[in-house]
Protein backbone atom coordinates (compact mmCIF):
# COMPACT_ATOMS: atom_id res chain seq x y z
CA MET A 1 10.39 -13.38 -58.62
CA GLY A 2 9.89 -11.48 -61.84
CA TYR A 3 6.68 -9.62 -60.94
CA SER A 4 5.97 -5.92 -61.29
CA ALA A 5 6.18 -3.60 -58.28
CA LEU A 6 2.40 -3.33 -57.90
CA ARG A 7 1.82 -7.07 -58.14
CA SER A 8 4.69 -7.75 -55.72
CA GLN A 9 3.03 -5.52 -53.14
CA ILE A 10 -0.28 -7.30 -53.62
CA LEU A 11 1.29 -10.75 -53.28
CA SER A 12 3.24 -9.77 -50.13
CA ALA A 13 0.07 -8.88 -48.18
CA PRO A 14 -1.51 -12.38 -47.75
CA PRO A 15 1.49 -14.00 -45.94
CA TYR A 16 1.63 -11.20 -43.38
CA LEU A 17 -2.15 -11.18 -42.98
CA LEU A 18 -2.04 -14.90 -42.24
CA ALA A 19 0.83 -14.34 -39.81
CA PHE A 20 -1.27 -11.74 -37.97
CA PHE A 21 -4.09 -14.21 -37.28
CA VAL A 22 -1.63 -16.98 -36.41
CA VAL A 23 0.04 -14.74 -33.80
CA LEU A 24 -3.33 -13.97 -32.19
CA ALA A 25 -4.34 -17.62 -32.11
CA THR A 26 -0.95 -18.70 -30.77
CA SER A 27 -1.02 -16.12 -27.99
CA ALA A 28 -4.52 -17.17 -26.93
CA LEU A 29 -3.65 -20.88 -26.89
CA SER A 30 -0.38 -20.26 -25.09
CA ASP A 31 -2.19 -18.36 -22.33
CA LYS A 32 -4.95 -20.96 -22.14
CA TYR A 33 -2.59 -23.89 -21.68
CA GLN A 34 0.02 -21.80 -19.81
CA ASN A 35 2.80 -23.09 -22.02
CA ARG A 36 5.41 -21.10 -23.92
CA SER A 37 8.24 -23.47 -24.76
CA LEU A 38 6.30 -25.98 -26.89
CA PHE A 39 4.65 -23.23 -28.92
CA ILE A 40 7.99 -21.50 -29.47
CA CYS A 41 9.58 -24.77 -30.58
CA PHE A 42 6.72 -25.54 -32.96
CA HIS A 43 6.71 -22.13 -34.64
CA ALA A 44 10.50 -22.05 -34.84
CA LEU A 45 10.41 -25.37 -36.70
CA LEU A 46 7.60 -24.03 -38.88
CA ALA A 47 9.69 -20.97 -39.78
CA ALA A 48 12.71 -23.20 -40.42
CA PHE A 49 10.60 -25.30 -42.79
CA GLY A 50 9.52 -22.19 -44.71
CA TYR A 51 13.08 -20.85 -45.04
CA THR A 52 14.32 -24.30 -46.09
CA THR A 53 11.64 -24.49 -48.78
CA ILE A 54 12.69 -21.11 -50.16
CA ALA A 55 16.39 -22.06 -50.06
CA ILE A 56 15.88 -25.41 -51.83
CA ALA A 57 13.62 -23.83 -54.45
CA GLY A 58 16.31 -21.24 -55.12
CA MET A 59 19.08 -23.82 -55.18
CA PHE A 60 17.34 -25.78 -57.93
CA GLU A 61 16.05 -22.59 -59.57
CA ALA A 62 12.47 -23.77 -59.27
CA GLY A 63 9.53 -21.59 -60.23
CA PRO A 64 8.38 -18.63 -58.08
CA THR A 65 5.38 -20.59 -56.85
CA TRP A 66 7.44 -22.79 -54.52
CA ARG A 67 9.36 -19.85 -53.11
CA TYR A 68 6.13 -17.88 -52.61
CA LEU A 69 4.49 -20.77 -50.77
CA GLY A 70 7.49 -20.98 -48.45
CA VAL A 71 6.90 -17.38 -47.34
CA TYR A 72 3.65 -18.34 -45.55
CA PRO A 73 5.11 -20.74 -42.93
CA ALA A 74 8.25 -18.61 -42.62
CA ALA A 75 6.30 -15.44 -41.73
CA SER A 76 3.75 -17.17 -39.49
CA GLY A 77 6.35 -19.13 -37.56
CA PHE A 78 8.87 -16.31 -37.21
CA PHE A 79 6.50 -13.64 -35.86
CA SER A 80 4.74 -16.08 -33.51
CA ALA A 81 8.07 -17.24 -32.06
CA VAL A 82 9.25 -13.67 -31.52
CA THR A 83 6.00 -12.73 -29.74
CA LEU A 84 6.20 -15.70 -27.37
CA LEU A 85 9.90 -15.10 -26.69
CA ILE A 86 9.16 -11.58 -25.43
CA THR A 87 6.37 -12.75 -23.13
CA TRP A 88 8.40 -15.73 -21.90
CA THR A 89 11.26 -13.41 -20.99
CA ILE A 90 8.91 -11.28 -18.88
CA ASN A 91 7.15 -14.25 -17.24
CA ASN A 92 10.38 -15.82 -16.04
CA GLN A 93 11.51 -12.77 -14.04
CA GLU A 94 10.64 -12.40 -10.35
CA SER A 95 10.61 -8.62 -9.93
CA ASP A 96 9.81 -5.55 -12.02
CA ALA A 97 13.49 -4.58 -12.14
CA LYS A 98 14.45 -7.98 -13.55
CA LYS A 99 11.61 -7.84 -16.08
CA GLY A 100 12.81 -4.47 -17.36
CA THR A 101 16.41 -5.68 -17.54
CA GLY A 102 15.41 -8.85 -19.37
CA VAL A 103 13.43 -6.94 -21.99
CA ALA A 104 16.34 -4.53 -22.50
CA ILE A 105 18.82 -7.38 -23.02
CA LEU A 106 16.40 -9.10 -25.41
CA ASN A 107 16.01 -5.93 -27.48
CA VAL A 108 19.77 -5.33 -27.62
CA ILE A 109 20.42 -8.86 -28.89
CA GLY A 110 17.48 -8.67 -31.29
CA GLN A 111 18.72 -5.46 -32.88
CA LEU A 112 21.94 -7.21 -33.86
CA GLY A 113 19.94 -9.03 -36.55
CA PRO A 114 20.09 -6.20 -39.12
CA PHE A 115 23.91 -6.10 -38.87
CA ILE A 116 24.11 -9.82 -39.63
CA GLY A 117 21.43 -9.54 -42.34
CA THR A 118 23.48 -7.09 -44.39
CA ALA A 119 26.18 -9.77 -44.74
CA LEU A 120 23.77 -12.66 -45.40
CA TYR A 121 22.01 -11.05 -48.35
CA PRO A 122 24.71 -9.59 -50.63
CA GLU A 123 23.76 -8.35 -54.07
CA SER A 124 25.80 -11.12 -55.69
CA ASP A 125 23.35 -13.79 -54.37
CA LYS A 126 20.26 -12.36 -56.02
CA PRO A 127 17.67 -13.28 -57.06
CA PHE A 128 17.47 -16.48 -54.94
CA TYR A 129 19.61 -15.57 -51.89
CA VAL A 130 20.16 -19.20 -51.05
CA ARG A 131 22.84 -18.49 -48.46
CA GLY A 132 20.67 -16.01 -46.50
CA MET A 133 17.65 -18.31 -46.50
CA THR A 134 19.77 -21.22 -45.33
CA ALA A 135 21.21 -19.15 -42.47
CA CYS A 136 17.71 -18.12 -41.37
CA ALA A 137 16.60 -21.75 -41.35
CA ILE A 138 19.62 -22.72 -39.22
CA PHE A 139 18.92 -19.92 -36.73
CA MET A 140 15.28 -20.95 -36.37
CA LEU A 141 16.38 -24.55 -35.70
CA LEU A 142 18.71 -23.13 -33.04
CA VAL A 143 15.77 -21.25 -31.47
CA ALA A 144 13.77 -24.50 -31.30
CA ALA A 145 16.67 -26.36 -29.66
CA LEU A 146 17.33 -23.58 -27.12
CA SER A 147 13.65 -23.36 -26.17
CA MET A 148 13.56 -27.07 -25.32
CA TRP A 149 16.84 -26.76 -23.42
CA LEU A 150 15.48 -23.85 -21.34
CA ARG A 151 12.27 -25.82 -20.77
CA ARG A 152 14.32 -28.62 -19.26
CA ILE A 153 16.24 -26.24 -16.98
CA LEU A 154 13.06 -24.60 -15.68
CA ARG A 155 11.47 -27.99 -15.05
CA ARG A 156 14.41 -29.02 -12.90
CA LYS A 157 14.26 -25.80 -10.91
CA ASN A 158 10.58 -26.20 -10.17
CA GLU A 159 10.99 -29.86 -9.23
CA SER A 160 13.75 -28.82 -6.85
CA ALA A 161 11.49 -26.13 -5.35
CA GLN A 162 8.75 -28.70 -4.77
CA GLN A 163 11.17 -31.03 -3.01
CA HIS A 164 12.25 -28.19 -0.67
CA PRO A 165 8.97 -26.46 0.22
CA TYR A 166 10.47 -24.29 2.97
CA LYS A 167 13.01 -22.61 0.74
CA VAL A 168 11.75 -19.07 0.19
CA SER A 169 12.63 -17.18 -2.96
CA GLU A 170 13.51 -13.48 -3.25
CA THR A 171 9.90 -12.50 -3.78
CA GLY A 172 8.57 -14.27 -0.71
CA GLY A 173 8.18 -17.76 -2.17
CA SER A 174 6.50 -17.05 -5.50
CA CYS A 175 7.64 -19.03 -8.54
CA THR A 176 7.01 -17.29 -11.86
CA TYR A 177 8.27 -19.83 -14.40
CA PHE A 178 5.78 -20.15 -17.22
CA ASP A 179 4.75 -23.62 -18.34
CA ARG A 180 2.10 -25.77 -16.71
CA GLU A 181 3.21 -29.14 -18.12
CA ALA A 182 6.84 -28.46 -17.22
CA LEU A 183 5.81 -26.48 -14.12
CA GLU A 184 7.34 -23.39 -15.71
CA CYS A 185 4.71 -20.92 -14.56
CA SER A 186 2.14 -22.58 -12.41
CA GLN A 187 2.27 -19.50 -10.14
CA TYR A 188 2.23 -21.66 -7.05
CA LEU A 189 3.25 -20.36 -3.66
CA ILE A 190 5.92 -22.26 -1.78
CA PRO A 191 4.61 -23.03 1.73
CA MET A 192 6.45 -21.00 4.34
CA ALA A 193 6.81 -21.96 7.96
CA ASP A 194 5.88 -19.34 10.53
CA ARG A 195 9.00 -19.58 12.66
CA ARG A 196 8.33 -16.39 14.63
CA ARG A 197 5.08 -17.47 16.24
CA ILE A 198 5.16 -19.36 19.52
CA ASN A 199 2.41 -21.96 19.58
CA PRO A 200 0.12 -21.74 22.64
CA PRO A 201 -0.74 -24.67 24.89
CA GLY A 202 -3.04 -27.28 23.47
CA GLY A 203 -5.82 -26.65 25.99
CA THR A 204 -7.66 -23.44 26.79
CA THR A 205 -6.47 -21.11 29.50
CA THR A 206 -8.37 -18.65 31.68
CA ALA A 207 -6.82 -15.41 32.81
CA PRO A 208 -6.95 -14.83 36.58
CA VAL A 209 -9.46 -12.29 37.84
CA PHE A 210 -8.50 -10.27 40.92
CA ALA A 211 -11.14 -8.71 43.14
CA THR A 212 -10.58 -5.02 43.78
CA SER A 213 -10.67 -3.54 47.23
CA ALA A 214 -14.00 -2.24 48.43
CA LYS A 215 -12.25 0.99 49.47
CA VAL A 216 -11.41 1.86 45.87
CA PRO A 217 -13.83 4.62 44.82
CA ALA A 218 -15.81 4.41 41.62
CA PHE A 219 -14.22 6.20 38.70
CA GLN A 220 -15.54 9.62 37.77
CA SER A 221 -15.14 10.80 34.15
CA GLN A 222 -13.25 14.08 33.94
CA ARG A 223 -11.44 15.69 31.02
CA THR A 224 -8.20 17.35 32.12
CA ARG A 225 -7.36 18.77 28.70
CA LYS A 226 -8.71 22.03 27.36
CA PRO A 227 -11.56 21.77 24.85
CA ASN A 228 -9.29 22.84 21.96
CA GLU A 229 -6.37 20.60 22.98
CA ILE A 230 -5.65 17.24 21.38
CA ARG A 231 -3.71 14.37 22.88
CA LYS A 232 -0.03 13.80 22.17
CA ILE A 233 0.63 11.81 19.00
CA PHE A 234 3.52 9.49 18.21
CA LEU A 235 4.03 8.82 14.49
CA GLN A 236 6.88 7.00 12.77
CA THR A 237 7.33 5.66 9.24
CA GLY A 238 9.40 2.92 7.63
CA LEU A 239 8.85 0.20 10.25
CA THR A 240 8.05 -2.64 7.81
CA PRO A 241 10.90 -3.19 5.31
CA SER A 242 8.98 -5.74 3.23
CA ALA A 243 6.22 -3.22 2.40
CA SER A 244 6.43 -0.33 -0.04
CA GLY A 245 5.60 2.03 2.80
CA SER A 246 4.58 1.71 6.44
CA ALA A 247 3.77 3.81 9.49
CA TYR A 248 2.92 3.47 13.17
CA PHE A 249 0.47 5.78 14.97
CA GLU A 250 -0.16 6.03 18.70
CA LEU A 251 -2.20 8.31 20.95
CA GLU A 252 -1.31 8.66 24.60
CA PRO A 253 -3.84 7.34 27.15
CA SER A 254 -6.32 10.02 28.05
CA LEU A 255 -6.43 9.10 31.75
CA PRO A 256 -3.53 8.54 34.12
CA SER A 257 -2.57 5.03 35.19
CA ALA A 258 -1.51 5.96 38.71
CA THR A 259 -4.95 5.34 40.20
CA PRO A 260 -4.82 3.40 43.48
CA GLY A 261 -5.89 -0.20 43.09
CA TYR A 262 -5.17 -0.48 39.33
CA PHE A 263 -2.14 -1.75 37.46
CA THR A 264 -3.19 -0.67 33.94
CA HIS A 265 -4.61 2.45 32.34
CA GLN A 266 -8.25 3.06 33.11
CA SER A 267 -8.78 4.17 29.52
CA SER A 268 -7.31 2.62 26.40
CA SER A 269 -5.04 4.42 24.00
CA LEU A 270 -5.06 4.20 20.21
CA LYS A 271 -2.33 2.21 18.43
CA LEU A 272 -2.39 1.66 14.66
CA THR A 273 -0.04 0.18 12.10
CA CYS A 274 -0.36 0.65 8.35
CA THR A 275 1.43 -1.00 5.43
CA VAL A 276 1.16 -0.02 1.77
CA HIS A 277 1.82 -2.58 -0.97
CA GLY A 278 2.15 -1.28 -4.51
CA PRO A 279 1.53 0.20 -6.95
CA ARG A 280 1.69 -3.12 -8.78
CA PRO A 281 0.09 -4.46 -11.98
CA LEU A 282 -3.41 -5.83 -11.69
CA PRO A 283 -4.19 -9.43 -12.70
CA ARG A 284 -5.17 -10.00 -16.30
CA SER A 285 -8.67 -11.01 -15.23
CA VAL A 286 -9.36 -7.47 -13.92
CA PRO A 287 -10.93 -5.11 -16.51
CA PHE A 288 -8.70 -2.32 -17.77
CA SER A 289 -8.73 0.84 -15.68
CA PRO A 290 -6.91 4.06 -16.65
CA TYR A 291 -6.55 4.93 -12.96
CA LEU A 292 -4.89 3.47 -9.90
CA LEU A 293 -7.25 1.17 -7.99
CA LEU A 294 -7.11 1.70 -4.22
CA SER A 295 -8.04 -1.05 -1.79
CA ALA A 296 -8.20 -0.37 1.95
CA ASN A 297 -8.42 -3.04 4.64
CA VAL A 298 -8.99 -2.26 8.33
CA LYS A 299 -8.74 -5.09 10.86
CA PHE A 300 -8.85 -5.05 14.64
CA ALA A 301 -6.42 -7.36 16.35
CA PRO A 302 -8.15 -9.92 18.60
CA PHE A 303 -6.64 -8.17 21.64
CA ALA A 304 -7.43 -4.62 20.46
CA SER A 305 -10.33 -4.16 22.90
CA ARG A 306 -11.63 -5.56 26.15
CA HIS A 307 -14.08 -7.74 24.24
CA ARG A 308 -12.05 -10.16 22.14
CA ARG A 309 -12.48 -9.67 18.41
CA GLY A 310 -12.91 -12.40 15.84
CA TYR A 311 -10.51 -13.22 13.02
CA VAL A 312 -13.07 -12.47 10.30
CA ARG A 313 -13.79 -8.83 9.54
CA ASP A 314 -17.11 -7.63 10.92
CA VAL A 315 -19.43 -4.87 9.73
CA SER A 316 -17.71 -2.08 11.65
CA GLU A 317 -14.30 -2.96 10.18
CA ARG A 318 -15.67 -3.02 6.64
CA ASP A 319 -17.39 0.30 7.29
CA LEU A 320 -14.11 1.83 8.46
CA ALA A 321 -12.36 0.53 5.33
CA VAL A 322 -14.96 2.23 3.10
CA HIS A 323 -14.47 5.58 4.87
CA VAL A 324 -10.67 5.27 4.64
CA GLU A 325 -10.89 4.57 0.89
CA THR A 326 -13.10 7.61 0.42
CA ALA A 327 -10.65 9.82 2.30
CA LEU A 328 -7.62 8.57 0.35
CA ARG A 329 -9.08 8.61 -3.16
CA GLY A 330 -8.94 12.39 -3.24
CA LEU A 331 -5.30 12.21 -2.15
CA LEU A 332 -3.69 10.07 -4.86
CA ILE A 333 -2.77 11.15 -8.39
CA SER A 334 -4.32 7.96 -9.75
CA GLU A 335 -3.95 8.66 -13.48
CA ARG A 336 -0.18 8.09 -13.26
CA TRP A 337 -0.64 4.33 -12.70
CA PRO A 338 -3.08 2.90 -15.27
CA LYS A 339 -4.20 -0.66 -14.62
CA SER A 340 -2.36 -0.77 -11.32
CA GLY A 341 -3.46 -1.33 -7.76
CA VAL A 342 -2.29 -0.36 -4.30
CA ASP A 343 -3.32 -2.05 -1.05
CA VAL A 344 -3.53 -0.11 2.21
CA ILE A 345 -3.70 -2.49 5.18
CA ILE A 346 -4.38 -1.00 8.61
CA THR A 347 -4.20 -3.05 11.79
CA VAL A 348 -5.69 -1.69 15.00
CA LEU A 349 -3.46 -2.94 17.80
CA GLU A 350 -5.42 -1.09 20.46
CA GLY A 351 -8.67 0.73 19.96
CA GLU A 352 -10.44 3.20 22.18
CA ASP A 353 -13.17 1.76 24.35
CA ASP A 354 -16.40 3.59 24.96
CA GLU A 355 -16.18 3.28 28.74
CA PRO A 356 -13.35 3.58 31.28
CA GLN A 357 -11.97 0.41 32.82
CA ALA A 358 -13.10 1.12 36.36
CA VAL A 359 -15.32 -0.24 39.06
CA GLY A 360 -18.09 2.29 38.92
CA HIS A 361 -19.05 2.17 35.25
CA ASP A 362 -22.26 0.58 34.07
CA ILE A 363 -21.76 -3.10 33.24
CA GLN A 364 -25.04 -3.31 31.38
CA LYS A 365 -23.98 -0.52 29.02
CA GLU A 366 -20.68 -2.27 28.38
CA GLU A 367 -22.35 -5.50 27.38
CA GLY A 368 -25.21 -4.30 25.28
CA GLY A 369 -25.24 -0.54 24.90
CA SER A 370 -21.86 0.41 23.53
CA SER A 371 -22.41 3.53 21.44
CA GLY A 372 -19.26 3.23 19.31
CA TRP A 373 -17.90 6.74 19.87
CA GLY A 374 -14.36 5.37 20.06
CA MET A 375 -14.71 4.16 16.47
CA MET A 376 -14.66 7.76 15.29
CA SER A 377 -11.23 8.38 16.80
CA VAL A 378 -10.04 5.14 15.19
CA LEU A 379 -11.13 6.44 11.77
CA SER A 380 -9.33 9.73 12.33
CA GLY A 381 -6.11 7.89 13.21
CA CYS A 382 -6.52 5.53 10.23
CA ILE A 383 -6.63 8.46 7.81
CA THR A 384 -3.50 10.02 9.29
CA VAL A 385 -1.44 6.82 9.48
CA ALA A 386 -2.50 5.75 5.96
CA SER A 387 -1.40 9.11 4.54
CA ALA A 388 1.98 8.74 6.27
CA ALA A 389 2.44 5.21 4.88
CA ILE A 390 1.50 6.31 1.36
CA ALA A 391 4.02 9.16 1.54
CA ASP A 392 6.65 6.69 2.83
CA ALA A 393 5.92 4.47 -0.20
CA GLY A 394 6.79 7.34 -2.54
CA ILE A 395 3.38 7.42 -4.23
CA ASP A 396 2.61 10.78 -5.82
CA CYS A 397 -0.13 12.67 -3.98
CA VAL A 398 -1.70 16.09 -4.29
CA ASP A 399 -1.33 16.71 -0.56
CA LEU A 400 -1.08 15.05 2.86
CA ALA A 401 -4.34 13.90 4.40
CA SER A 402 -4.85 14.19 8.14
CA GLY A 403 -7.78 13.10 10.23
CA GLY A 404 -9.52 15.22 12.83
CA VAL A 405 -12.40 14.56 15.19
CA ALA A 406 -14.58 16.88 17.26
CA ALA A 407 -17.52 16.10 19.51
CA ILE A 408 -20.46 17.70 21.25
CA VAL A 409 -20.37 16.69 24.91
CA ARG A 410 -22.38 17.53 28.01
CA GLN A 411 -20.80 17.50 31.46
CA PRO A 412 -19.70 20.00 34.14
CA THR A 413 -17.89 23.05 32.81
CA PRO A 414 -14.39 22.00 31.71
CA PRO A 415 -11.20 23.87 32.56
CA GLY A 416 -10.99 27.12 30.63
CA LEU A 417 -14.76 27.64 30.21
CA GLY A 418 -15.67 28.68 33.73
CA ASP A 419 -15.03 32.37 33.08
CA GLN A 420 -17.18 32.34 29.95
CA ASN A 421 -20.16 30.82 31.76
CA ASN A 422 -19.61 32.89 34.92
CA GLY A 423 -20.24 29.74 36.93
CA GLN A 424 -24.02 29.97 36.29
CA ARG A 425 -24.66 27.72 33.28
CA ASP A 426 -23.52 24.16 33.85
CA ASN A 427 -24.11 20.92 31.97
CA LEU A 428 -24.68 22.69 28.65
CA PRO A 429 -23.45 21.08 25.40
CA TYR A 430 -20.17 22.37 24.04
CA ILE A 431 -17.56 21.28 21.47
CA VAL A 432 -14.26 19.59 22.27
CA LEU A 433 -11.43 18.40 20.03
CA ASP A 434 -10.13 14.84 20.07
CA PRO A 435 -12.75 13.43 22.44
CA CYS A 436 -12.14 10.29 24.46
CA PRO A 437 -15.32 8.44 25.55
CA ALA A 438 -13.75 7.66 28.92
CA GLU A 439 -13.33 11.36 29.70
CA HIS A 440 -16.90 12.49 29.23
CA ILE A 441 -20.14 11.66 30.98
CA GLU A 442 -22.26 12.09 27.85
CA ILE A 443 -21.34 12.47 24.18
CA LEU A 444 -24.12 13.84 22.00
CA ALA A 445 -22.52 13.90 18.52
CA VAL A 446 -19.16 13.33 16.85
CA CYS A 447 -17.76 14.57 13.54
CA VAL A 448 -14.72 13.11 11.72
CA VAL A 449 -13.07 14.75 8.71
CA GLY A 450 -10.26 13.87 6.34
CA TYR A 451 -8.64 17.18 5.46
CA LEU A 452 -6.12 18.36 2.85
CA ARG A 453 -4.67 21.53 4.33
CA SER A 454 -2.73 22.82 1.31
CA ARG A 455 -5.78 22.50 -0.95
CA ASP A 456 -8.30 23.38 1.80
CA GLU A 457 -10.42 20.36 0.85
CA ILE A 458 -12.38 17.85 2.91
CA THR A 459 -12.11 14.37 1.40
CA GLU A 460 -14.17 12.58 4.06
CA LEU A 461 -16.92 13.72 6.41
CA TRP A 462 -18.71 11.42 8.84
CA THR A 463 -21.03 12.54 11.63
CA ARG A 464 -22.90 10.53 14.25
CA GLY A 465 -25.35 11.59 16.92
CA ASP A 466 -27.69 14.52 17.48
CA ILE A 467 -26.00 17.62 16.05
CA SER A 468 -29.12 19.73 16.60
CA SER A 469 -28.49 19.69 20.36
CA LEU A 470 -25.71 22.23 19.85
CA SER A 471 -27.96 24.68 18.00
CA ALA A 472 -30.72 24.27 20.56
CA SER A 473 -28.39 25.28 23.38
CA GLY A 474 -27.30 28.42 21.58
CA LYS A 475 -23.63 27.42 21.75
CA GLY A 476 -23.02 26.99 18.00
CA SER A 477 -24.11 25.17 14.83
CA SER A 478 -23.27 22.06 12.87
CA GLU A 479 -20.90 24.10 10.67
CA GLU A 480 -18.95 25.02 13.76
CA LEU A 481 -18.61 21.33 14.65
CA VAL A 482 -17.12 20.64 11.21
CA ASP A 483 -14.79 23.62 11.56
CA ARG A 484 -13.53 22.35 14.90
CA ALA A 485 -12.94 18.89 13.40
CA VAL A 486 -10.89 20.57 10.67
CA GLU A 487 -8.96 22.39 13.40
CA ALA A 488 -8.13 19.03 14.97
CA ALA A 489 -7.02 17.70 11.56
CA VAL A 490 -4.68 20.69 11.14
CA SER A 491 -3.11 19.92 14.52
CA SER A 492 -2.60 16.27 13.50
CA ARG A 493 -1.01 17.39 10.25
CA LEU A 494 1.75 19.17 12.16
CA VAL A 495 2.81 15.84 13.63
CA LEU A 496 2.48 14.18 10.22
CA GLU A 497 4.74 16.75 8.56
CA ALA A 498 7.33 16.50 11.32
CA ALA A 499 7.42 12.68 11.13
CA LEU A 500 7.83 12.67 7.34
CA GLU A 501 10.50 15.36 7.51
CA ALA A 502 12.47 13.33 10.07
CA ALA A 503 12.11 10.17 7.98
CA THR A 504 13.29 11.95 4.82
CA ARG A 505 16.27 13.46 6.62
CA TYR A 506 17.22 10.03 7.97
CA LYS A 507 17.04 8.44 4.50
CA LEU A 508 19.23 11.16 3.01
CA GLU A 509 21.80 10.79 5.78
CA THR A 510 21.99 7.01 5.43
CA LYS A 511 22.36 7.19 1.63
CA SER A 512 25.08 9.82 1.82
């Protein structure tokens, strides 16, 4: 335009400074009204107007003022349109893989611009470059037309989805098209019919109650396992394909079922399922976090215990979730997923009851005096099954976490301790691993740990009851109770390692 180099640099700053504030305002308004296409069309037309002004001023060899004024709308409209095009490309993809592919394709096409620009601005066209400015104006008009055409296509797709509400998309029925007025990203969920559930009868039903024979003796609690022996564990991963990782955990019933007069086990077993969803980006409303946010949810199925559970989480379930979160936070390498979240959902299919299902147990204690010792074994299993599901999801961890539980009990000398007591000291407190409330007459205290064996770290420690009773009897201390709980966690880890090794070997065999 005939200015010196210094003055040209000074005059080039205001158009780009204005474009900076216009981009910020456009992004905020576009997010507020959840609309991309109209803003892209407007700014593309604005950029086309600026390039047209520069081209016409050069064609008629007008003064530099007209060409300089045309730079303002050209810069503001061009950069705003490019910013919204990138976000619109991401918003219209259903999965992370498609988002990454869309951005890559957009960048490849966008980098073709410099090759075309070298031919549009030859040295022979200086100083007005009418042909290059005209081409830029035509391309911006094409951007405006294509944005409105894509808006129309997305509107038709969303209208079709609303007319067929039971048609589920690849992501489970979530539409991610971005435009509220054209229904291009209303983020609505398509209603899905639950076709797997069989509806019950309209009225209530009462299960039959059978009277037991008077000749059936009352049940007597007796532990058949050694004090340092845990129950058999079944653990398997990869049972829920729709989740990032999943696992199933089961403990064998502690008491035999072949008791005369009974058709079911006199003591309940422990059955848990766990699904892991994530890591996935957090919503924009959540404050920025440089670490992975862990959320644990523990819920008892309504049929998990003899007393039917409600559908809303109670205090004990929320308490279990807090302890599981504490145990797993020391397990994850959370700094590798900034502003991301992972959900760990544990469902208790069958939980351990505090009393055996037999004739002779105290009904009053069942109704009002349940001590909750079985909840400690549930927490131990939750830690183990959650660690297996996290490993199945492929989330980086410092180690595998396993749960262990030990208890102080008082009852007649168990198998294996008679020689130590010489048959003279009975009913003294002693420590057992993996206690089952149905096996013991009296439980004095219980300790649960979440343990990382490779790092020799305890990530969770929860004790209940009177631990001092062990010291008073001269049979040990509270530190010994924790050590025995760690011993139980080490035994559980052996099963955890074997299950993950089998799952990894199976995945490698199926891929090969």
